[in-house]
Amino acid sequence: MEVQNKSGQYIPCRALLESASQSHFITERCVQRLTFSRTQTHASIQGISSVNTETYHSVSLHLRPRHTDWHTTLNCAILSHITGTTPSKKLDKNTWMIPKDIRLADEQFDQPGDIDLLIGADLFYEMLRSGRRTLPGKYPVLQETVLSWTLSGRTPSTTIQHDPQHTFLLLEDSSLEHNLNRSREVETWNNPP
């Protein structure tokens, strides 16, 4: 997909679609590359196994696919990283028998690389289209989206025990109680008894 930078040019970015995330995210590295202005916002993020982190800034961005006319604007919280290198090692896509009439949203899906954006649940289902195909054997599912076709699921190389498995579930805790407690912590820190 492509994201519009501060100068109005569209820059290629790698996105992950996540149906369980309550928010959208962008990496610090991608924000710097796009030269975006930040908005100061605070959110507490909780993930798998109650791992917590916080974000203090967000950006508004306009994105579009490379192959279709769809486009949208969304607000993304800024994180230092979204996930590790994906995939963790090069995949041998030559054995996958992807149909020739399929145009993939990311033709380089088999190459390890950084994820720049995570698109969450409020946009996830809007992006899905009706097309879905399965490949014979233990291969991912091909899903048609507004971005073109995406791949989802297990790959033959991730069945090896030593390869990292990626699972995403992100909850944003922006409750009034949390924000009040955080304000009290900051006040105590700045004005010790």
N, C-alpha and C. Protein backbone atom coordinates (compact mmCIF):
# COMPACT_ATOMS: atom_id res chain seq x y z
N MET A 1 0.84 -1.17 0.00
CA MET A 1 0.00 0.00 0.00
C MET A 1 0.88 1.22 0.00
N GLU A 2 0.27 2.36 -0.25
CA GLU A 2 1.01 3.61 -0.29
C GLU A 2 0.40 4.61 0.69
N VAL A 3 1.26 5.39 1.34
CA VAL A 3 0.82 6.40 2.30
C VAL A 3 1.32 7.75 1.80
N GLN A 4 0.43 8.75 1.87
CA GLN A 4 0.79 10.09 1.42
C GLN A 4 1.67 10.77 2.45
N ASN A 5 2.83 11.28 2.01
CA ASN A 5 3.74 11.94 2.94
C ASN A 5 3.38 13.42 3.07
N LYS A 6 4.16 14.15 3.85
CA LYS A 6 3.88 15.56 4.12
C LYS A 6 3.89 16.41 2.85
N SER A 7 4.65 15.99 1.84
CA SER A 7 4.74 16.73 0.58
C SER A 7 3.67 16.34 -0.43
N GLY A 8 2.80 15.38 -0.07
CA GLY A 8 1.73 14.95 -0.97
C GLY A 8 2.11 13.80 -1.87
N GLN A 9 3.34 13.28 -1.76
CA GLN A 9 3.76 12.13 -2.56
C GLN A 9 3.34 10.85 -1.85
N TYR A 10 3.07 9.80 -2.63
CA TYR A 10 2.70 8.50 -2.05
C TYR A 10 3.93 7.61 -1.96
N ILE A 11 4.17 7.10 -0.75
CA ILE A 11 5.35 6.30 -0.44
C ILE A 11 4.89 4.87 -0.12
N PRO A 12 5.54 3.83 -0.69
CA PRO A 12 5.16 2.45 -0.37
C PRO A 12 5.43 2.13 1.10
N CYS A 13 4.47 1.48 1.73
CA CYS A 13 4.60 1.03 3.12
C CYS A 13 4.03 -0.38 3.22
N ARG A 14 4.52 -1.12 4.18
CA ARG A 14 4.06 -2.50 4.38
C ARG A 14 3.09 -2.52 5.55
N ALA A 15 1.89 -3.06 5.32
CA ALA A 15 0.84 -3.04 6.34
C ALA A 15 0.44 -4.45 6.73
N LEU A 16 -0.02 -4.56 7.97
CA LEU A 16 -0.57 -5.80 8.51
C LEU A 16 -2.02 -5.52 8.84
N LEU A 17 -2.93 -6.37 8.38
CA LEU A 17 -4.35 -6.23 8.71
C LEU A 17 -4.64 -7.07 9.94
N GLU A 18 -5.27 -6.49 10.95
CA GLU A 18 -5.48 -7.19 12.22
C GLU A 18 -6.92 -7.00 12.70
N SER A 19 -7.68 -8.08 12.70
CA SER A 19 -9.10 -8.00 13.05
C SER A 19 -9.36 -7.84 14.55
N ALA A 20 -8.37 -8.03 15.40
CA ALA A 20 -8.60 -7.95 16.85
C ALA A 20 -8.11 -6.65 17.48
N SER A 21 -7.39 -5.83 16.74
CA SER A 21 -6.83 -4.61 17.31
C SER A 21 -7.88 -3.50 17.36
N GLN A 22 -7.98 -2.84 18.50
CA GLN A 22 -8.93 -1.75 18.65
C GLN A 22 -8.40 -0.43 18.08
N SER A 23 -7.15 -0.39 17.70
CA SER A 23 -6.54 0.84 17.19
C SER A 23 -5.71 0.53 15.95
N HIS A 24 -5.30 1.60 15.27
CA HIS A 24 -4.36 1.51 14.16
C HIS A 24 -3.01 2.00 14.67
N PHE A 25 -1.92 1.45 14.13
CA PHE A 25 -0.58 1.80 14.59
C PHE A 25 0.35 2.05 13.42
N ILE A 26 1.35 2.87 13.66
CA ILE A 26 2.40 3.15 12.69
C ILE A 26 3.73 3.18 13.45
N THR A 27 4.80 2.78 12.80
CA THR A 27 6.10 2.77 13.49
C THR A 27 6.72 4.17 13.47
N GLU A 28 7.54 4.42 14.46
CA GLU A 28 8.30 5.67 14.55
C GLU A 28 9.14 5.86 13.29
N ARG A 29 9.76 4.79 12.83
CA ARG A 29 10.61 4.85 11.64
C ARG A 29 9.82 5.31 10.42
N CYS A 30 8.60 4.81 10.26
CA CYS A 30 7.76 5.18 9.12
C CYS A 30 7.32 6.64 9.23
N VAL A 31 6.99 7.09 10.44
CA VAL A 31 6.60 8.50 10.66
C VAL A 31 7.74 9.42 10.24
N GLN A 32 8.97 9.07 10.61
CA GLN A 32 10.13 9.88 10.24
C GLN A 32 10.35 9.88 8.73
N ARG A 33 10.16 8.73 8.11
CA ARG A 33 10.33 8.63 6.65
C ARG A 33 9.30 9.49 5.91
N LEU A 34 8.07 9.55 6.46
CA LEU A 34 7.00 10.31 5.83
C LEU A 34 6.98 11.78 6.25
N THR A 35 7.82 12.15 7.21
CA THR A 35 7.94 13.51 7.75
C THR A 35 6.61 14.08 8.22
N PHE A 36 5.84 13.27 8.96
CA PHE A 36 4.55 13.69 9.49
C PHE A 36 4.70 14.58 10.72
N SER A 37 3.74 15.47 10.91
CA SER A 37 3.61 16.20 12.18
C SER A 37 2.80 15.32 13.12
N ARG A 38 3.19 15.33 14.39
CA ARG A 38 2.55 14.47 15.38
C ARG A 38 1.54 15.25 16.21
N THR A 39 0.57 14.52 16.72
CA THR A 39 -0.38 15.07 17.69
C THR A 39 -0.11 14.38 19.01
N GLN A 40 -0.08 15.13 20.10
CA GLN A 40 0.17 14.53 21.39
C GLN A 40 -1.11 13.87 21.90
N THR A 41 -1.06 12.55 22.01
CA THR A 41 -2.19 11.77 22.53
C THR A 41 -1.59 10.64 23.36
N HIS A 42 -2.30 10.22 24.37
CA HIS A 42 -1.80 9.15 25.23
C HIS A 42 -2.75 7.97 25.18
N ALA A 43 -2.18 6.79 25.04
CA ALA A 43 -2.98 5.56 25.10
C ALA A 43 -2.13 4.47 25.73
N SER A 44 -2.77 3.65 26.54
CA SER A 44 -2.12 2.48 27.11
C SER A 44 -2.53 1.28 26.28
N ILE A 45 -1.57 0.49 25.83
CA ILE A 45 -1.82 -0.62 24.94
C ILE A 45 -1.53 -1.92 25.67
N GLN A 46 -2.51 -2.84 25.64
CA GLN A 46 -2.32 -4.14 26.26
C GLN A 46 -2.38 -5.21 25.19
N GLY A 47 -1.41 -6.12 25.22
CA GLY A 47 -1.35 -7.18 24.21
C GLY A 47 -1.45 -8.56 24.83
N ILE A 48 -1.01 -9.56 24.09
CA ILE A 48 -1.03 -10.95 24.53
C ILE A 48 -0.30 -11.08 25.85
N SER A 49 -0.81 -11.92 26.74
CA SER A 49 -0.19 -12.19 28.02
C SER A 49 -0.06 -10.93 28.88
N SER A 50 -1.00 -10.01 28.70
CA SER A 50 -1.06 -8.75 29.46
C SER A 50 0.21 -7.92 29.36
N VAL A 51 0.92 -8.02 28.23
CA VAL A 51 2.08 -7.17 28.02
C VAL A 51 1.57 -5.76 27.74
N ASN A 52 2.08 -4.78 28.48
CA ASN A 52 1.61 -3.41 28.35
C ASN A 52 2.68 -2.49 27.79
N THR A 53 2.24 -1.52 27.02
CA THR A 53 3.10 -0.46 26.55
C THR A 53 2.24 0.80 26.44
N GLU A 54 2.88 1.92 26.21
CA GLU A 54 2.13 3.16 26.09
C GLU A 54 2.60 3.91 24.85
N THR A 55 1.70 4.70 24.31
CA THR A 55 2.03 5.56 23.19
C THR A 55 1.58 6.98 23.54
N TYR A 56 2.37 7.95 23.13
CA TYR A 56 2.12 9.33 23.52
C TYR A 56 1.83 10.26 22.33
N HIS A 57 1.93 9.72 21.11
CA HIS A 57 1.70 10.54 19.93
C HIS A 57 0.93 9.74 18.89
N SER A 58 0.26 10.47 18.01
CA SER A 58 -0.45 9.85 16.89
C SER A 58 -0.30 10.74 15.66
N VAL A 59 -0.63 10.17 14.51
CA VAL A 59 -0.61 10.91 13.25
C VAL A 59 -1.87 10.56 12.46
N SER A 60 -2.29 11.48 11.64
CA SER A 60 -3.38 11.24 10.70
C SER A 60 -2.76 11.02 9.34
N LEU A 61 -3.16 9.97 8.64
CA LEU A 61 -2.56 9.69 7.35
C LEU A 61 -3.59 9.27 6.33
N HIS A 62 -3.25 9.50 5.08
CA HIS A 62 -4.09 9.10 3.95
C HIS A 62 -3.38 7.96 3.25
N LEU A 63 -4.11 6.86 3.01
CA LEU A 63 -3.48 5.72 2.36
C LEU A 63 -4.33 5.21 1.21
N ARG A 64 -3.66 4.52 0.31
CA ARG A 64 -4.34 3.93 -0.84
C ARG A 64 -3.59 2.67 -1.27
N PRO A 65 -4.27 1.75 -1.93
CA PRO A 65 -3.59 0.58 -2.50
C PRO A 65 -2.85 0.98 -3.77
N ARG A 66 -1.99 0.11 -4.23
CA ARG A 66 -1.28 0.37 -5.47
C ARG A 66 -2.09 -0.04 -6.69
N HIS A 67 -3.09 -0.95 -6.51
CA HIS A 67 -3.77 -1.53 -7.66
C HIS A 67 -5.25 -1.19 -7.78
N THR A 68 -5.85 -0.53 -6.78
CA THR A 68 -7.28 -0.23 -6.85
C THR A 68 -7.52 1.24 -6.51
N ASP A 69 -8.77 1.68 -6.67
CA ASP A 69 -9.12 3.09 -6.43
C ASP A 69 -9.50 3.40 -4.99
N TRP A 70 -9.60 2.41 -4.14
CA TRP A 70 -10.01 2.62 -2.75
C TRP A 70 -8.98 3.50 -2.03
N HIS A 71 -9.43 4.31 -1.08
CA HIS A 71 -8.51 5.10 -0.26
C HIS A 71 -9.23 5.46 1.04
N THR A 72 -8.46 5.83 2.05
CA THR A 72 -9.04 6.22 3.33
C THR A 72 -8.05 7.07 4.12
N THR A 73 -8.58 7.71 5.13
CA THR A 73 -7.76 8.47 6.08
C THR A 73 -7.98 7.85 7.45
N LEU A 74 -6.91 7.66 8.20
CA LEU A 74 -7.06 7.10 9.54
C LEU A 74 -6.02 7.68 10.49
N ASN A 75 -6.34 7.60 11.77
CA ASN A 75 -5.42 8.05 12.82
C ASN A 75 -4.69 6.84 13.36
N CYS A 76 -3.37 6.96 13.46
CA CYS A 76 -2.54 5.86 13.94
C CYS A 76 -1.74 6.30 15.15
N ALA A 77 -1.74 5.47 16.19
CA ALA A 77 -0.86 5.68 17.33
C ALA A 77 0.56 5.28 16.90
N ILE A 78 1.55 6.00 17.41
CA ILE A 78 2.94 5.75 17.02
C ILE A 78 3.60 4.81 18.04
N LEU A 79 4.18 3.74 17.55
CA LEU A 79 4.94 2.79 18.37
C LEU A 79 6.36 2.67 17.81
N SER A 80 7.31 2.31 18.66
CA SER A 80 8.67 2.13 18.16
C SER A 80 8.73 0.95 17.19
N HIS A 81 8.02 -0.13 17.49
CA HIS A 81 7.94 -1.30 16.61
C HIS A 81 6.54 -1.89 16.71
N ILE A 82 6.08 -2.51 15.65
CA ILE A 82 4.78 -3.19 15.67
C ILE A 82 4.99 -4.68 15.87
N THR A 83 5.92 -5.25 15.15
CA THR A 83 6.25 -6.67 15.27
C THR A 83 7.66 -6.88 14.76
N GLY A 84 8.15 -8.10 14.89
CA GLY A 84 9.46 -8.42 14.37
C GLY A 84 9.43 -8.53 12.85
N THR A 85 10.54 -8.87 12.26
CA THR A 85 10.63 -9.05 10.82
C THR A 85 9.61 -10.09 10.38
N THR A 86 8.86 -9.76 9.32
CA THR A 86 7.81 -10.64 8.84
C THR A 86 7.95 -10.82 7.33
N PRO A 87 8.05 -12.09 6.84
CA PRO A 87 8.23 -13.32 7.61
C PRO A 87 9.61 -13.36 8.25
N SER A 88 9.80 -14.28 9.17
CA SER A 88 11.06 -14.33 9.90
C SER A 88 12.22 -14.78 9.01
N LYS A 89 11.91 -15.53 7.92
CA LYS A 89 12.93 -15.91 6.94
C LYS A 89 12.28 -16.01 5.57
N LYS A 90 13.09 -15.99 4.53
CA LYS A 90 12.56 -16.01 3.16
C LYS A 90 11.73 -17.26 2.92
N LEU A 91 10.59 -17.07 2.28
CA LEU A 91 9.70 -18.18 1.95
C LEU A 91 9.93 -18.60 0.50
N ASP A 92 9.77 -19.89 0.22
CA ASP A 92 9.91 -20.39 -1.15
C ASP A 92 8.54 -20.38 -1.81
N LYS A 93 8.14 -19.22 -2.34
CA LYS A 93 6.80 -19.09 -2.92
C LYS A 93 6.65 -19.81 -4.26
N ASN A 94 7.75 -20.26 -4.86
CA ASN A 94 7.69 -20.97 -6.14
C ASN A 94 6.90 -22.27 -6.05
N THR A 95 6.83 -22.87 -4.86
CA THR A 95 6.11 -24.14 -4.70
C THR A 95 4.64 -23.92 -4.31
N TRP A 96 4.22 -22.68 -4.15
CA TRP A 96 2.89 -22.40 -3.62
C TRP A 96 1.76 -22.49 -4.64
N MET A 97 2.07 -22.46 -5.90
CA MET A 97 1.07 -22.54 -6.98
C MET A 97 -0.02 -21.47 -6.84
N ILE A 98 0.41 -20.23 -6.64
CA ILE A 98 -0.53 -19.12 -6.59
C ILE A 98 -1.08 -18.90 -8.00
N PRO A 99 -2.41 -18.88 -8.15
CA PRO A 99 -2.98 -18.72 -9.50
C PRO A 99 -2.46 -17.46 -10.19
N LYS A 100 -2.25 -17.57 -11.51
CA LYS A 100 -1.68 -16.47 -12.28
C LYS A 100 -2.61 -15.26 -12.37
N ASP A 101 -3.93 -15.46 -12.18
CA ASP A 101 -4.86 -14.33 -12.26
C ASP A 101 -4.95 -13.55 -10.95
N ILE A 102 -4.21 -13.97 -9.93
CA ILE A 102 -4.22 -13.29 -8.63
C ILE A 102 -3.17 -12.19 -8.61
N ARG A 103 -3.60 -10.96 -8.30
CA ARG A 103 -2.66 -9.86 -8.11
C ARG A 103 -2.54 -9.64 -6.61
N LEU A 104 -1.36 -9.87 -6.06
CA LEU A 104 -1.14 -9.75 -4.62
C LEU A 104 -0.94 -8.30 -4.21
N ALA A 105 -1.45 -7.95 -3.04
CA ALA A 105 -1.26 -6.61 -2.49
C ALA A 105 0.22 -6.38 -2.19
N ASP A 106 0.93 -7.44 -1.81
CA ASP A 106 2.37 -7.35 -1.52
C ASP A 106 3.08 -8.47 -2.27
N GLU A 107 3.61 -8.14 -3.44
CA GLU A 107 4.31 -9.15 -4.24
C GLU A 107 5.57 -9.66 -3.56
N GLN A 108 6.09 -8.91 -2.59
CA GLN A 108 7.30 -9.28 -1.87
C GLN A 108 6.98 -9.93 -0.51
N PHE A 109 5.80 -10.52 -0.37
CA PHE A 109 5.40 -11.11 0.90
C PHE A 109 6.36 -12.18 1.39
N ASP A 110 7.10 -12.78 0.47
CA ASP A 110 8.02 -13.86 0.82
C ASP A 110 9.35 -13.36 1.35
N GLN A 111 9.61 -12.06 1.25
CA GLN A 111 10.87 -11.47 1.69
C GLN A 111 10.75 -10.93 3.11
N PRO A 112 11.66 -11.30 4.02
CA PRO A 112 11.62 -10.72 5.37
C PRO A 112 11.72 -9.20 5.31
N GLY A 113 10.88 -8.54 6.10
CA GLY A 113 10.89 -7.08 6.11
C GLY A 113 10.12 -6.53 7.29
N ASP A 114 10.24 -5.22 7.48
CA ASP A 114 9.56 -4.55 8.59
C ASP A 114 8.10 -4.28 8.24
N ILE A 115 7.26 -4.28 9.26
CA ILE A 115 5.87 -3.87 9.13
C ILE A 115 5.80 -2.41 9.54
N ASP A 116 5.27 -1.55 8.65
CA ASP A 116 5.18 -0.12 8.92
C ASP A 116 3.87 0.28 9.60
N LEU A 117 2.79 -0.41 9.26
CA LEU A 117 1.45 -0.06 9.75
C LEU A 117 0.70 -1.29 10.20
N LEU A 118 -0.13 -1.12 11.22
CA LEU A 118 -1.09 -2.16 11.59
C LEU A 118 -2.46 -1.51 11.48
N ILE A 119 -3.31 -2.10 10.63
CA ILE A 119 -4.67 -1.59 10.43
C ILE A 119 -5.61 -2.45 11.25
N GLY A 120 -6.36 -1.81 12.15
CA GLY A 120 -7.17 -2.52 13.13
C GLY A 120 -8.58 -2.86 12.69
N ALA A 121 -9.37 -3.32 13.69
CA ALA A 121 -10.67 -3.93 13.47
C ALA A 121 -11.71 -3.01 12.85
N ASP A 122 -11.71 -1.72 13.18
CA ASP A 122 -12.78 -0.87 12.65
C ASP A 122 -12.68 -0.68 11.14
N LEU A 123 -11.54 -0.98 10.55
CA LEU A 123 -11.38 -0.90 9.10
C LEU A 123 -11.22 -2.28 8.46
N PHE A 124 -10.81 -3.25 9.27
CA PHE A 124 -10.49 -4.58 8.76
C PHE A 124 -11.61 -5.16 7.89
N TYR A 125 -12.83 -5.23 8.43
CA TYR A 125 -13.91 -5.89 7.70
C TYR A 125 -14.41 -5.06 6.53
N GLU A 126 -14.23 -3.76 6.59
CA GLU A 126 -14.57 -2.89 5.46
C GLU A 126 -13.65 -3.16 4.28
N MET A 127 -12.46 -3.65 4.56
CA MET A 127 -11.47 -3.88 3.52
C MET A 127 -11.63 -5.23 2.83
N LEU A 128 -12.38 -6.15 3.44
CA LEU A 128 -12.54 -7.49 2.85
C LEU A 128 -13.52 -7.46 1.69
N ARG A 129 -13.23 -8.28 0.69
CA ARG A 129 -14.15 -8.51 -0.43
C ARG A 129 -14.54 -9.99 -0.41
N SER A 130 -15.40 -10.38 -1.30
CA SER A 130 -15.98 -11.73 -1.24
C SER A 130 -15.05 -12.84 -1.69
N GLY A 131 -14.04 -12.54 -2.50
CA GLY A 131 -13.18 -13.59 -3.03
C GLY A 131 -12.30 -14.24 -1.97
N ARG A 132 -12.26 -15.57 -2.02
CA ARG A 132 -11.40 -16.33 -1.11
C ARG A 132 -11.00 -17.62 -1.80
N ARG A 133 -9.72 -17.93 -1.74
CA ARG A 133 -9.22 -19.16 -2.36
C ARG A 133 -8.26 -19.86 -1.42
N THR A 134 -8.30 -21.17 -1.47
CA THR A 134 -7.34 -21.95 -0.68
C THR A 134 -6.38 -22.63 -1.64
N LEU A 135 -5.15 -22.74 -1.21
CA LEU A 135 -4.13 -23.42 -2.00
C LEU A 135 -4.05 -24.86 -1.51
N PRO A 136 -3.79 -25.82 -2.42
CA PRO A 136 -3.70 -27.22 -1.98
C PRO A 136 -2.51 -27.42 -1.03
N GLY A 137 -2.73 -28.21 0.01
CA GLY A 137 -1.67 -28.46 0.99
C GLY A 137 -1.74 -27.49 2.15
N LYS A 138 -0.65 -27.39 2.92
CA LYS A 138 -0.60 -26.54 4.11
C LYS A 138 -0.07 -25.15 3.76
N TYR A 139 -0.89 -24.42 3.03
CA TYR A 139 -0.53 -23.07 2.59
C TYR A 139 -1.55 -22.07 3.11
N PRO A 140 -1.19 -20.79 3.09
CA PRO A 140 -2.13 -19.78 3.56
C PRO A 140 -3.36 -19.67 2.65
N VAL A 141 -4.36 -18.99 3.16
CA VAL A 141 -5.58 -18.69 2.41
C VAL A 141 -5.36 -17.39 1.66
N LEU A 142 -5.83 -17.32 0.43
CA LEU A 142 -5.81 -16.09 -0.34
C LEU A 142 -7.15 -15.39 -0.11
N GLN A 143 -7.11 -14.14 0.32
CA GLN A 143 -8.32 -13.37 0.61
C GLN A 143 -8.32 -12.10 -0.23
N GLU A 144 -9.41 -11.87 -0.96
CA GLU A 144 -9.53 -10.65 -1.74
C GLU A 144 -9.87 -9.49 -0.82
N THR A 145 -9.18 -8.37 -0.98
CA THR A 145 -9.43 -7.17 -0.18
C THR A 145 -9.42 -5.96 -1.11
N VAL A 146 -9.72 -4.80 -0.56
CA VAL A 146 -9.65 -3.56 -1.35
C VAL A 146 -8.22 -3.25 -1.76
N LEU A 147 -7.25 -3.89 -1.13
CA LEU A 147 -5.83 -3.69 -1.46
C LEU A 147 -5.36 -4.60 -2.58
N SER A 148 -6.15 -5.53 -3.02
CA SER A 148 -5.88 -6.67 -3.90
C SER A 148 -5.89 -7.91 -3.01
N TRP A 149 -5.22 -8.98 -3.41
CA TRP A 149 -5.28 -10.23 -2.67
C TRP A 149 -4.21 -10.27 -1.58
N THR A 150 -4.59 -10.79 -0.42
CA THR A 150 -3.66 -10.95 0.70
C THR A 150 -3.55 -12.42 1.06
N LEU A 151 -2.52 -12.76 1.81
CA LEU A 151 -2.31 -14.12 2.28
C LEU A 151 -2.44 -14.15 3.79
N SER A 152 -3.07 -15.19 4.31
CA SER A 152 -3.24 -15.30 5.76
C SER A 152 -3.20 -16.76 6.18
N GLY A 153 -2.49 -17.03 7.26
CA GLY A 153 -2.45 -18.39 7.80
C GLY A 153 -1.05 -18.95 7.87
N ARG A 154 -0.99 -20.23 8.13
CA ARG A 154 0.29 -20.90 8.29
C ARG A 154 1.00 -21.05 6.95
N THR A 155 2.31 -21.06 7.02
CA THR A 155 3.12 -21.32 5.83
C THR A 155 3.95 -22.57 6.10
N PRO A 156 4.35 -23.28 5.06
CA PRO A 156 5.14 -24.51 5.27
C PRO A 156 6.36 -24.29 6.14
N SER A 157 7.04 -23.14 6.02
CA SER A 157 8.27 -22.92 6.78
C SER A 157 8.01 -22.60 8.25
N THR A 158 6.79 -22.16 8.62
CA THR A 158 6.55 -21.84 10.03
C THR A 158 6.12 -23.05 10.84
N THR A 159 6.09 -24.22 10.21
CA THR A 159 5.79 -25.42 10.98
C THR A 159 7.02 -25.92 11.71
N ILE A 160 8.19 -25.36 11.41
CA ILE A 160 9.42 -25.73 12.12
C ILE A 160 9.38 -25.11 13.50
N GLN A 161 9.75 -25.87 14.52
CA GLN A 161 9.62 -25.44 15.91
C GLN A 161 10.36 -24.15 16.24
N HIS A 162 11.47 -23.85 15.59
CA HIS A 162 12.30 -22.72 15.98
C HIS A 162 11.87 -21.39 15.37
N ASP A 163 10.96 -21.41 14.41
CA ASP A 163 10.51 -20.16 13.80
C ASP A 163 9.54 -19.44 14.73
N PRO A 164 9.69 -18.13 14.89
CA PRO A 164 8.75 -17.39 15.74
C PRO A 164 7.37 -17.35 15.12
N GLN A 165 6.34 -17.45 15.96
CA GLN A 165 4.96 -17.34 15.52
C GLN A 165 4.45 -15.97 15.94
N HIS A 166 3.75 -15.26 15.05
CA HIS A 166 3.25 -13.92 15.34
C HIS A 166 1.75 -13.97 15.59
N THR A 167 1.33 -13.45 16.73
CA THR A 167 -0.08 -13.33 17.06
C THR A 167 -0.30 -11.92 17.57
N PHE A 168 -1.40 -11.30 17.15
CA PHE A 168 -1.66 -9.92 17.53
C PHE A 168 -3.03 -9.79 18.16
N LEU A 169 -3.08 -9.11 19.28
CA LEU A 169 -4.32 -8.70 19.93
C LEU A 169 -3.97 -7.48 20.73
N LEU A 170 -4.49 -6.36 20.36
CA LEU A 170 -4.13 -5.10 21.01
C LEU A 170 -5.38 -4.42 21.52
N LEU A 171 -5.37 -4.06 22.79
CA LEU A 171 -6.49 -3.36 23.41
C LEU A 171 -6.02 -2.00 23.85
N GLU A 172 -6.80 -0.99 23.54
CA GLU A 172 -6.44 0.36 23.95
C GLU A 172 -7.20 0.70 25.22
N ASP A 173 -6.47 1.04 26.28
CA ASP A 173 -7.09 1.42 27.55
C ASP A 173 -7.01 2.93 27.66
N SER A 174 -8.06 3.59 27.26
CA SER A 174 -8.07 5.05 27.36
C SER A 174 -9.19 5.48 28.33
N SER A 175 -9.45 4.61 29.30
CA SER A 175 -10.53 4.89 30.24
C SER A 175 -10.20 6.10 31.11
N LEU A 176 -11.24 6.73 31.60
CA LEU A 176 -11.09 7.91 32.44
C LEU A 176 -10.28 7.56 33.69
N GLU A 177 -10.58 6.40 34.30
CA GLU A 177 -9.86 6.00 35.51
C GLU A 177 -8.36 5.86 35.23
N HIS A 178 -8.01 5.24 34.09
CA HIS A 178 -6.59 5.07 33.76
C HIS A 178 -5.91 6.43 33.59
N ASN A 179 -6.57 7.33 32.86
CA ASN A 179 -5.99 8.65 32.62
C ASN A 179 -5.84 9.44 33.92
N LEU A 180 -6.82 9.33 34.82
CA LEU A 180 -6.72 10.01 36.11
C LEU A 180 -5.56 9.45 36.94
N ASN A 181 -5.44 8.12 36.95
CA ASN A 181 -4.33 7.49 37.69
C ASN A 181 -3.00 7.91 37.11
N ARG A 182 -2.91 7.99 35.79
CA ARG A 182 -1.66 8.39 35.14
C ARG A 182 -1.33 9.84 35.49
N SER A 183 -2.35 10.71 35.52
CA SER A 183 -2.12 12.11 35.88
C SER A 183 -1.61 12.23 37.30
N ARG A 184 -2.18 11.41 38.21
CA ARG A 184 -1.72 11.43 39.60
C ARG A 184 -0.27 10.97 39.70
N GLU A 185 0.10 9.93 38.92
CA GLU A 185 1.48 9.44 38.93
C GLU A 185 2.45 10.53 38.47
N VAL A 186 2.08 11.23 37.40
CA VAL A 186 2.94 12.30 36.87
C VAL A 186 3.05 13.42 37.89
N GLU A 187 1.93 13.79 38.52
CA GLU A 187 1.94 14.86 39.51
C GLU A 187 2.82 14.49 40.70
N THR A 188 2.72 13.23 41.16
CA THR A 188 3.54 12.76 42.28
C THR A 188 5.02 12.77 41.88
N TRP A 189 5.30 12.38 40.67
CA TRP A 189 6.68 12.34 40.18
C TRP A 189 7.26 13.77 40.13
N ASN A 190 6.46 14.71 39.62
CA ASN A 190 6.94 16.09 39.48
C ASN A 190 6.97 16.85 40.81
N ASN A 191 6.09 16.48 41.73
CA ASN A 191 5.99 17.16 43.03
C ASN A 191 6.06 16.13 44.16
N PRO A 192 7.24 15.58 44.45
CA PRO A 192 7.33 14.55 45.50
C PRO A 192 6.94 15.12 46.85
N PRO A 193 6.38 14.24 47.74
CA PRO A 193 5.94 14.72 49.07
C PRO A 193 7.09 15.24 49.91
